[in-house]
């Protein structure tokens, strides 16, 4: 049964977008994990460094992971 809005009109059905499974290469995984650990430790400088290194890595031909959309 569809959910009702306060004005008695049916709410639009919920749409679920299938998330694409993203399997990072080893360097991508390492840098993403290091960024998460840096954020958890409130080390914003290290987190920024990890994001920059990840972007540089993905820009090279060495990254075997597909481009994120």
PDB file of N, CA and C in Angstrom:
ATOM      1  N   UNK A   1       0.840  -1.171   0.000  1.00  0.00           N
ATOM      2  CA  UNK A   1       0.000   0.000   0.000  1.00  0.00           C
ATOM      3  C   UNK A   1       0.887   1.236   0.000  1.00  0.00           C
ATOM      4  N   UNK A   2       0.651   2.193  -0.891  1.00  0.00           N
ATOM      5  CA  UNK A   2       1.499   3.372  -0.950  1.00  0.00           C
ATOM      6  C   UNK A   2       1.320   4.250   0.282  1.00  0.00           C
ATOM      7  N   UNK A   3       2.365   4.940   0.634  1.00  0.00           N
ATOM      8  CA  UNK A   3       2.346   5.871   1.747  1.00  0.00           C
ATOM      9  C   UNK A   3       1.485   7.074   1.379  1.00  0.00           C
ATOM     10  N   UNK A   4       0.719   7.569   2.344  1.00  0.00           N
ATOM     11  CA  UNK A   4      -0.146   8.718   2.095  1.00  0.00           C
ATOM     12  C   UNK A   4       0.527   9.997   2.591  1.00  0.00           C
ATOM     13  N   UNK A   5       0.363  11.055   1.811  1.00  0.00           N
ATOM     14  CA  UNK A   5       0.810  12.381   2.234  1.00  0.00           C
ATOM     15  C   UNK A   5      -0.254  12.970   3.156  1.00  0.00           C
ATOM     16  N   UNK A   6       0.086  14.041   3.896  1.00  0.00           N
ATOM     17  CA  UNK A   6      -0.917  14.666   4.773  1.00  0.00           C
ATOM     18  C   UNK A   6      -2.165  15.140   4.020  1.00  0.00           C
ATOM     19  N   UNK A   7      -2.032  15.519   2.755  1.00  0.00           N
ATOM     20  CA  UNK A   7      -3.197  16.002   1.999  1.00  0.00           C
ATOM     21  C   UNK A   7      -3.918  14.851   1.287  1.00  0.00           C
ATOM     22  N   UNK A   8      -3.704  13.628   1.746  1.00  0.00           N
ATOM     23  CA  UNK A   8      -4.349  12.417   1.245  1.00  0.00           C
ATOM     24  C   UNK A   8      -3.962  12.012  -0.174  1.00  0.00           C
ATOM     25  N   UNK A   9      -2.936  12.623  -0.742  1.00  0.00           N
ATOM     26  CA  UNK A   9      -2.440  12.171  -2.043  1.00  0.00           C
ATOM     27  C   UNK A   9      -1.395  11.092  -1.787  1.00  0.00           C
ATOM     28  N   UNK A  10      -1.338  10.075  -2.627  1.00  0.00           N
ATOM     29  CA  UNK A  10      -0.309   9.048  -2.432  1.00  0.00           C
ATOM     30  C   UNK A  10       1.085   9.625  -2.704  1.00  0.00           C
ATOM     31  N   UNK A  11       2.031   9.224  -1.900  1.00  0.00           N
ATOM     32  CA  UNK A  11       3.421   9.646  -2.095  1.00  0.00           C
ATOM     33  C   UNK A  11       3.997   8.887  -3.279  1.00  0.00           C
ATOM     34  N   UNK A  12       4.928   9.493  -3.994  1.00  0.00           N
ATOM     35  CA  UNK A  12       5.545   8.767  -5.112  1.00  0.00           C
ATOM     36  C   UNK A  12       6.310   7.556  -4.585  1.00  0.00           C
ATOM     37  N   UNK A  13       6.372   6.501  -5.379  1.00  0.00           N
ATOM     38  CA  UNK A  13       7.095   5.313  -4.923  1.00  0.00           C
ATOM     39  C   UNK A  13       8.576   5.627  -4.732  1.00  0.00           C
ATOM     40  N   UNK A  14       9.153   4.980  -3.740  1.00  0.00           N
ATOM     41  CA  UNK A  14      10.575   5.168  -3.491  1.00  0.00           C
ATOM     42  C   UNK A  14      11.368   4.491  -4.594  1.00  0.00           C
ATOM     43  N   UNK A  15      12.386   5.187  -5.043  1.00  0.00           N
ATOM     44  CA  UNK A  15      13.251   4.591  -6.057  1.00  0.00           C
ATOM     45  C   UNK A  15      14.565   4.236  -5.403  1.00  0.00           C
ATOM     46  N   UNK A  16      15.019   3.064  -5.680  1.00  0.00           N
ATOM     47  CA  UNK A  16      16.284   2.595  -5.140  1.00  0.00           C
ATOM     48  C   UNK A  16      17.255   2.452  -6.294  1.00  0.00           C
ATOM     49  N   UNK A  17      18.355   3.153  -6.186  1.00  0.00           N
ATOM     50  CA  UNK A  17      19.381   3.059  -7.207  1.00  0.00           C
ATOM     51  C   UNK A  17      20.390   2.015  -6.782  1.00  0.00           C
ATOM     52  N   UNK A  18      20.621   1.094  -7.658  1.00  0.00           N
ATOM     53  CA  UNK A  18      21.615   0.070  -7.363  1.00  0.00           C
ATOM     54  C   UNK A  18      22.993   0.721  -7.365  1.00  0.00           C
ATOM     55  N   UNK A  19      23.687   0.585  -6.267  1.00  0.00           N
ATOM     56  CA  UNK A  19      25.025   1.161  -6.184  1.00  0.00           C
ATOM     57  C   UNK A  19      25.995   0.265  -6.931  1.00  0.00           C
ATOM     58  N   UNK A  20      26.852   0.899  -7.690  1.00  0.00           N
ATOM     59  CA  UNK A  20      27.856   0.165  -8.429  1.00  0.00           C
ATOM     60  C   UNK A  20      28.922  -0.315  -7.455  1.00  0.00           C
ATOM     61  N   UNK A  21      29.257  -1.568  -7.548  1.00  0.00           N
ATOM     62  CA  UNK A  21      30.320  -2.104  -6.717  1.00  0.00           C
ATOM     63  C   UNK A  21      31.645  -1.568  -7.235  1.00  0.00           C
ATOM     64  N   UNK A  22      32.389  -0.937  -6.371  1.00  0.00           N
ATOM     65  CA  UNK A  22      33.667  -0.354  -6.744  1.00  0.00           C
ATOM     66  C   UNK A  22      34.764  -1.125  -6.033  1.00  0.00           C
ATOM     67  N   UNK A  23      35.617  -1.771  -6.791  1.00  0.00           N
ATOM     68  CA  UNK A  23      36.732  -2.513  -6.228  1.00  0.00           C
ATOM     69  C   UNK A  23      38.012  -1.739  -6.518  1.00  0.00           C
ATOM     70  N   UNK A  24      38.555  -1.071  -5.503  1.00  0.00           N
ATOM     71  CA  UNK A  24      39.752  -0.277  -5.739  1.00  0.00           C
ATOM     72  C   UNK A  24      40.993  -1.150  -5.886  1.00  0.00           C
ATOM     73  N   UNK A  25      41.985  -0.610  -6.583  1.00  0.00           N
ATOM     74  CA  UNK A  25      43.263  -1.306  -6.656  1.00  0.00           C
ATOM     75  C   UNK A  25      43.953  -1.139  -5.295  1.00  0.00           C
ATOM     76  N   UNK A  26      45.055  -1.833  -5.078  1.00  0.00           N
ATOM     77  CA  UNK A  26      45.726  -1.794  -3.774  1.00  0.00           C
ATOM     78  C   UNK A  26      46.137  -0.381  -3.341  1.00  0.00           C
ATOM     79  N   UNK A  27      46.802   0.420  -4.206  1.00  0.00           N
ATOM     80  CA  UNK A  27      47.149   1.775  -3.780  1.00  0.00           C
ATOM     81  C   UNK A  27      45.914   2.625  -3.450  1.00  0.00           C
ATOM     82  N   UNK A  28      44.838   2.482  -4.233  1.00  0.00           N
ATOM     83  CA  UNK A  28      43.605   3.225  -3.943  1.00  0.00           C
ATOM     84  C   UNK A  28      43.060   2.825  -2.572  1.00  0.00           C
ATOM     85  N   UNK A  29      43.041   1.528  -2.315  1.00  0.00           N
ATOM     86  CA  UNK A  29      42.539   1.026  -1.033  1.00  0.00           C
ATOM     87  C   UNK A  29      43.395   1.556   0.121  1.00  0.00           C
ATOM     88  N   UNK A  30      44.701   1.498  -0.032  1.00  0.00           N
ATOM     89  CA  UNK A  30      45.615   1.955   1.011  1.00  0.00           C
ATOM     90  C   UNK A  30      45.417   3.450   1.290  1.00  0.00           C
ATOM     91  N   UNK A  31      45.337   4.255   0.236  1.00  0.00           N
ATOM     92  CA  UNK A  31      45.196   5.704   0.420  1.00  0.00           C
ATOM     93  C   UNK A  31      43.829   6.073   0.999  1.00  0.00           C
ATOM     94  N   UNK A  32      42.790   5.368   0.595  1.00  0.00           N
ATOM     95  CA  UNK A  32      41.456   5.628   1.127  1.00  0.00           C
ATOM     96  C   UNK A  32      41.400   5.277   2.610  1.00  0.00           C
ATOM     97  N   UNK A  33      42.002   4.160   2.973  1.00  0.00           N
ATOM     98  CA  UNK A  33      42.059   3.753   4.374  1.00  0.00           C
ATOM     99  C   UNK A  33      42.888   4.741   5.197  1.00  0.00           C
ATOM    100  N   UNK A  34      44.020   5.168   4.662  1.00  0.00           N
ATOM    101  CA  UNK A  34      44.870   6.132   5.367  1.00  0.00           C
ATOM    102  C   UNK A  34      44.131   7.460   5.564  1.00  0.00           C
ATOM    103  N   UNK A  35      43.342   7.870   4.565  1.00  0.00           N
ATOM    104  CA  UNK A  35      42.560   9.103   4.698  1.00  0.00           C
ATOM    105  C   UNK A  35      41.525   8.962   5.811  1.00  0.00           C
ATOM    106  N   UNK A  36      40.842   7.815   5.864  1.00  0.00           N
ATOM    107  CA  UNK A  36      39.839   7.587   6.907  1.00  0.00           C
ATOM    108  C   UNK A  36      40.478   7.596   8.290  1.00  0.00           C
ATOM    109  N   UNK A  37      41.638   6.976   8.418  1.00  0.00           N
ATOM    110  CA  UNK A  37      42.341   6.960   9.708  1.00  0.00           C
ATOM    111  C   UNK A  37      42.787   8.364  10.103  1.00  0.00           C
ATOM    112  N   UNK A  38      43.254   9.142   9.131  1.00  0.00           N
ATOM    113  CA  UNK A  38      43.674  10.517   9.411  1.00  0.00           C
ATOM    114  C   UNK A  38      42.479  11.363   9.849  1.00  0.00           C
ATOM    115  N   UNK A  39      41.344  11.185   9.185  1.00  0.00           N
ATOM    116  CA  UNK A  39      40.144  11.921   9.585  1.00  0.00           C
ATOM    117  C   UNK A  39      39.714  11.541  10.996  1.00  0.00           C
ATOM    118  N   UNK A  40      39.808  10.254  11.328  1.00  0.00           N
ATOM    119  CA  UNK A  40      39.435   9.796  12.661  1.00  0.00           C
ATOM    120  C   UNK A  40      40.357  10.381  13.728  1.00  0.00           C
ATOM    121  N   UNK A  41      41.602  10.635  13.359  1.00  0.00           N
ATOM    122  CA  UNK A  41      42.571  11.202  14.293  1.00  0.00           C
ATOM    123  C   UNK A  41      42.604  12.734  14.228  1.00  0.00           C
ATOM    124  N   UNK A  42      41.672  13.323  13.459  1.00  0.00           N
ATOM    125  CA  UNK A  42      41.600  14.775  13.278  1.00  0.00           C
ATOM    126  C   UNK A  42      42.891  15.352  12.703  1.00  0.00           C
ATOM    127  N   UNK A  43      43.571  14.557  11.881  1.00  0.00           N
ATOM    128  CA  UNK A  43      44.799  15.003  11.215  1.00  0.00           C
ATOM    129  C   UNK A  43      44.417  15.442   9.798  1.00  0.00           C
ATOM    130  N   UNK A  44      43.899  16.668   9.700  1.00  0.00           N
ATOM    131  CA  UNK A  44      43.360  17.162   8.434  1.00  0.00           C
ATOM    132  C   UNK A  44      44.435  17.285   7.362  1.00  0.00           C
ATOM    133  N   UNK A  45      45.653  17.610   7.757  1.00  0.00           N
ATOM    134  CA  UNK A  45      46.743  17.739   6.797  1.00  0.00           C
ATOM    135  C   UNK A  45      47.046  16.401   6.129  1.00  0.00           C
ATOM    136  N   UNK A  46      47.134  15.358   6.940  1.00  0.00           N
ATOM    137  CA  UNK A  46      47.409  14.027   6.386  1.00  0.00           C
ATOM    138  C   UNK A  46      46.249  13.557   5.517  1.00  0.00           C
ATOM    139  N   UNK A  47      45.016  13.843   5.932  1.00  0.00           N
ATOM    140  CA  UNK A  47      43.847  13.457   5.137  1.00  0.00           C
ATOM    141  C   UNK A  47      43.879  14.146   3.772  1.00  0.00           C
ATOM    142  N   UNK A  48      44.247  15.419   3.769  1.00  0.00           N
ATOM    143  CA  UNK A  48      44.362  16.153   2.499  1.00  0.00           C
ATOM    144  C   UNK A  48      45.455  15.556   1.632  1.00  0.00           C
ATOM    145  N   UNK A  49      46.590  15.233   2.245  1.00  0.00           N
ATOM    146  CA  UNK A  49      47.685  14.607   1.488  1.00  0.00           C
ATOM    147  C   UNK A  49      47.228  13.298   0.840  1.00  0.00           C
ATOM    148  N   UNK A  50      46.459  12.513   1.578  1.00  0.00           N
ATOM    149  CA  UNK A  50      45.963  11.241   1.038  1.00  0.00           C
ATOM    150  C   UNK A  50      45.042  11.470  -0.159  1.00  0.00           C
ATOM    151  N   UNK A  51      44.170  12.476  -0.062  1.00  0.00           N
ATOM    152  CA  UNK A  51      43.272  12.774  -1.185  1.00  0.00           C
ATOM    153  C   UNK A  51      44.051  13.235  -2.414  1.00  0.00           C
ATOM    154  N   UNK A  52      45.086  14.050  -2.202  1.00  0.00           N
ATOM    155  CA  UNK A  52      45.908  14.524  -3.325  1.00  0.00           C
ATOM    156  C   UNK A  52      46.643  13.352  -3.962  1.00  0.00           C
ATOM    157  N   UNK A  53      47.232  12.490  -3.141  1.00  0.00           N
ATOM    158  CA  UNK A  53      47.948  11.334  -3.669  1.00  0.00           C
ATOM    159  C   UNK A  53      47.009  10.380  -4.397  1.00  0.00           C
ATOM    160  N   UNK A  54      45.804  10.214  -3.879  1.00  0.00           N
ATOM    161  CA  UNK A  54      44.819   9.354  -4.532  1.00  0.00           C
ATOM    162  C   UNK A  54      44.431   9.920  -5.898  1.00  0.00           C
ATOM    163  N   UNK A  55      44.218  11.222  -5.964  1.00  0.00           N
ATOM    164  CA  UNK A  55      43.862  11.851  -7.241  1.00  0.00           C
ATOM    165  C   UNK A  55      45.006  11.722  -8.236  1.00  0.00           C
ATOM    166  N   UNK A  56      46.228  11.929  -7.784  1.00  0.00           N
ATOM    167  CA  UNK A  56      47.395  11.776  -8.675  1.00  0.00           C
ATOM    168  C   UNK A  56      47.517  10.333  -9.153  1.00  0.00           C
ATOM    169  N   UNK A  57      47.306   9.390  -8.248  1.00  0.00           N
ATOM    170  CA  UNK A  57      47.406   7.973  -8.608  1.00  0.00           C
ATOM    171  C   UNK A  57      46.377   7.620  -9.676  1.00  0.00           C
ATOM    172  N   UNK A  58      45.141   8.082  -9.476  1.00  0.00           N
ATOM    173  CA  UNK A  58      44.080   7.764 -10.436  1.00  0.00           C
ATOM    174  C   UNK A  58      44.313   8.426 -11.794  1.00  0.00           C
ATOM    175  N   UNK A  59      45.065   9.524 -11.802  1.00  0.00           N
ATOM    176  CA  UNK A  59      45.346  10.216 -13.063  1.00  0.00           C
ATOM    177  C   UNK A  59      46.414   9.494 -13.881  1.00  0.00           C
ATOM    178  N   UNK A  60      47.164   8.626 -13.244  1.00  0.00           N
ATOM    179  CA  UNK A  60      48.199   7.883 -13.952  1.00  0.00           C
ATOM    180  C   UNK A  60      47.601   6.643 -14.597  1.00  0.00           C
ATOM    181  N   UNK A  61      48.332   6.014 -15.444  1.00  0.00           N
ATOM    182  CA  UNK A  61      47.883   4.775 -16.068  1.00  0.00           C
ATOM    183  C   UNK A  61      48.086   3.568 -15.167  1.00  0.00           C
ATOM    184  N   UNK A  62      48.615   3.776 -13.969  1.00  0.00           N
ATOM    185  CA  UNK A  62      48.890   2.670 -13.045  1.00  0.00           C
ATOM    186  C   UNK A  62      47.653   2.179 -12.313  1.00  0.00           C
ATOM    187  N   UNK A  63      46.636   3.029 -12.211  1.00  0.00           N
ATOM    188  CA  UNK A  63      45.441   2.675 -11.458  1.00  0.00           C
ATOM    189  C   UNK A  63      44.596   1.698 -12.265  1.00  0.00           C
ATOM    190  N   UNK A  64      44.298   0.551 -11.672  1.00  0.00           N
ATOM    191  CA  UNK A  64      43.519  -0.476 -12.380  1.00  0.00           C
ATOM    192  C   UNK A  64      42.036  -0.395 -12.028  1.00  0.00           C
ATOM    193  N   UNK A  65      41.671   0.517 -11.128  1.00  0.00           N
ATOM    194  CA  UNK A  65      40.257   0.662 -10.740  1.00  0.00           C
ATOM    195  C   UNK A  65      39.525   1.478 -11.798  1.00  0.00           C
ATOM    196  N   UNK A  66      38.236   1.197 -11.989  1.00  0.00           N
ATOM    197  CA  UNK A  66      37.465   2.006 -12.945  1.00  0.00           C
ATOM    198  C   UNK A  66      37.271   3.413 -12.392  1.00  0.00           C
ATOM    199  N   UNK A  67      37.093   4.372 -13.294  1.00  0.00           N
ATOM    200  CA  UNK A  67      36.872   5.752 -12.910  1.00  0.00           C
ATOM    201  C   UNK A  67      35.542   5.874 -12.162  1.00  0.00           C
ATOM    202  N   UNK A  68      35.541   6.555 -10.985  1.00  0.00           N
ATOM    203  CA  UNK A  68      34.256   6.770 -10.303  1.00  0.00           C
ATOM    204  C   UNK A  68      33.414   7.765 -11.090  1.00  0.00           C
ATOM    205  N   UNK A  69      32.090   7.559 -11.046  1.00  0.00           N
ATOM    206  CA  UNK A  69      31.192   8.436 -11.805  1.00  0.00           C
ATOM    207  C   UNK A  69      30.807   9.641 -11.024  1.00  0.00           C
TER     208      UNK A  69
END
